[in-house]
Amino acid sequence: MEQILNKLSEIELTAKRIMEEADETKNALSAEMEQECKAFDAALEKETNDRIQELRYSLEKKKDTEINTLRQETEKILSDLDDFYSKNHQQLSEKLFQKLLEH
């Protein structure tokens, strides 16, 4: 009977060690997964920030190009208006004067 109790005690100790090892393994895996999650989050955040910077740069470049194009178009229109006025100011003045006299 004592031999059976000793065997049961030995089985219980073995089971207890197995459970402790399982807990240690579980904790180690949990810590490893936590580290992997943190590393993944950091990599994803860096990738996202890099992409945002690329988009900002691209949009800034596009905006500058469009502003320069608009500036050139505006300068051309103003230059054309100045030329038109220079060539036609006498005629425009006379037309305006005639219209004022009519009213």
Protein backbone atom coordinates (compact mmCIF):
# COMPACT_ATOMS: atom_id res chain seq x y z
CA MET A 1 0.00 0.00 0.00
CA GLU A 2 2.85 2.31 0.87
CA GLN A 3 4.41 1.59 -2.48
CA ILE A 4 1.16 2.69 -4.19
CA LEU A 5 1.08 5.90 -2.16
CA ASN A 6 4.71 6.58 -3.04
CA LYS A 7 3.97 5.99 -6.71
CA LEU A 8 0.93 8.32 -6.52
CA SER A 9 3.05 10.94 -4.78
CA GLU A 10 5.69 10.59 -7.48
CA ILE A 11 3.04 10.92 -10.22
CA GLU A 12 1.64 13.99 -8.49
CA LEU A 13 5.11 15.60 -8.31
CA THR A 14 5.73 14.79 -11.95
CA ALA A 15 2.36 16.26 -12.90
CA LYS A 16 3.13 19.37 -10.83
CA ARG A 17 6.51 19.81 -12.60
CA ILE A 18 4.87 19.34 -15.98
CA MET A 19 2.27 22.02 -15.11
CA GLU A 20 5.01 24.38 -13.86
CA GLU A 21 7.01 23.85 -17.07
CA ALA A 22 3.85 24.43 -19.11
CA ASP A 23 3.24 27.68 -17.21
CA GLU A 24 6.84 28.77 -17.80
CA THR A 25 6.57 27.91 -21.48
CA LYS A 26 3.25 29.73 -21.71
CA ASN A 27 4.73 32.82 -20.02
CA ALA A 28 7.80 32.72 -22.28
CA LEU A 29 5.61 32.43 -25.37
CA SER A 30 3.38 35.20 -24.12
CA ALA A 31 6.38 37.48 -23.58
CA GLU A 32 7.74 36.56 -27.01
CA MET A 33 4.41 37.31 -28.66
CA GLU A 34 4.24 40.63 -26.81
CA GLN A 35 7.69 41.54 -28.15
CA GLU A 36 6.73 40.49 -31.67
CA CYS A 37 3.55 42.58 -31.44
CA LYS A 38 5.54 45.60 -30.26
CA ALA A 39 8.08 45.12 -33.05
CA PHE A 40 5.29 44.76 -35.61
CA ASP A 41 3.54 47.88 -34.30
CA ALA A 42 6.78 49.86 -34.43
CA ALA A 43 7.53 48.70 -37.98
CA LEU A 44 3.99 49.46 -39.10
CA GLU A 45 4.11 52.91 -37.50
CA LYS A 46 7.43 53.66 -39.22
CA GLU A 47 6.11 52.43 -42.56
CA THR A 48 2.95 54.51 -42.14
CA ASN A 49 4.93 57.62 -41.21
CA ASP A 50 7.28 57.11 -44.14
CA ARG A 51 4.33 56.78 -46.52
CA ILE A 52 2.70 59.90 -45.06
CA GLN A 53 5.96 61.81 -45.57
CA GLU A 54 6.14 60.59 -49.18
CA LEU A 55 2.56 61.69 -49.80
CA ARG A 56 3.17 65.08 -48.19
CA TYR A 57 6.26 65.60 -50.31
CA SER A 58 4.41 64.55 -53.44
CA LEU A 59 1.44 66.79 -52.69
CA GLU A 60 3.71 69.71 -51.81
CA LYS A 61 5.56 69.28 -55.10
CA LYS A 62 2.29 69.05 -57.04
CA LYS A 63 0.95 72.14 -55.24
CA ASP A 64 4.10 74.12 -56.05
CA THR A 65 3.90 73.08 -59.70
CA GLU A 66 0.25 74.11 -59.92
CA ILE A 67 0.93 77.43 -58.18
CA ASN A 68 3.77 78.17 -60.60
CA THR A 69 1.55 77.28 -63.55
CA LEU A 70 -1.23 79.54 -62.26
CA ARG A 71 1.26 82.33 -61.61
CA GLN A 72 2.59 82.07 -65.17
CA GLU A 73 -0.93 81.99 -66.62
CA THR A 74 -1.93 85.01 -64.53
CA GLU A 75 1.18 86.92 -65.57
CA LYS A 76 0.45 86.10 -69.23
CA ILE A 77 -3.15 87.30 -68.90
CA LEU A 78 -2.04 90.52 -67.20
CA SER A 79 0.61 91.05 -69.84
CA ASP A 80 -1.96 90.49 -72.60
CA LEU A 81 -4.32 92.96 -70.91
CA ASP A 82 -1.54 95.53 -70.65
CA ASP A 83 -0.70 95.04 -74.31
CA PHE A 84 -4.33 95.33 -75.32
CA TYR A 85 -4.73 98.50 -73.28
CA SER A 86 -1.52 99.97 -74.65
CA LYS A 87 -2.63 99.33 -78.21
CA ASN A 88 -6.27 100.30 -77.76
CA HIS A 89 -6.45 102.82 -74.93
CA GLN A 90 -7.18 105.74 -77.23
CA GLN A 91 -10.00 103.89 -78.95
CA LEU A 92 -11.35 102.59 -75.62
CA SER A 93 -11.27 106.07 -74.14
CA GLU A 94 -13.17 107.50 -77.11
CA LYS A 95 -15.82 104.77 -76.90
CA LEU A 96 -16.23 105.39 -73.21
CA PHE A 97 -16.48 109.12 -73.74
CA GLN A 98 -19.12 108.65 -76.47
CA LYS A 99 -21.17 106.38 -74.19
CA LEU A 100 -21.00 108.95 -71.41
CA LEU A 101 -22.20 111.64 -73.76
CA GLU A 102 -25.12 109.49 -74.91
CA HIS A 103 -26.50 109.15 -71.39
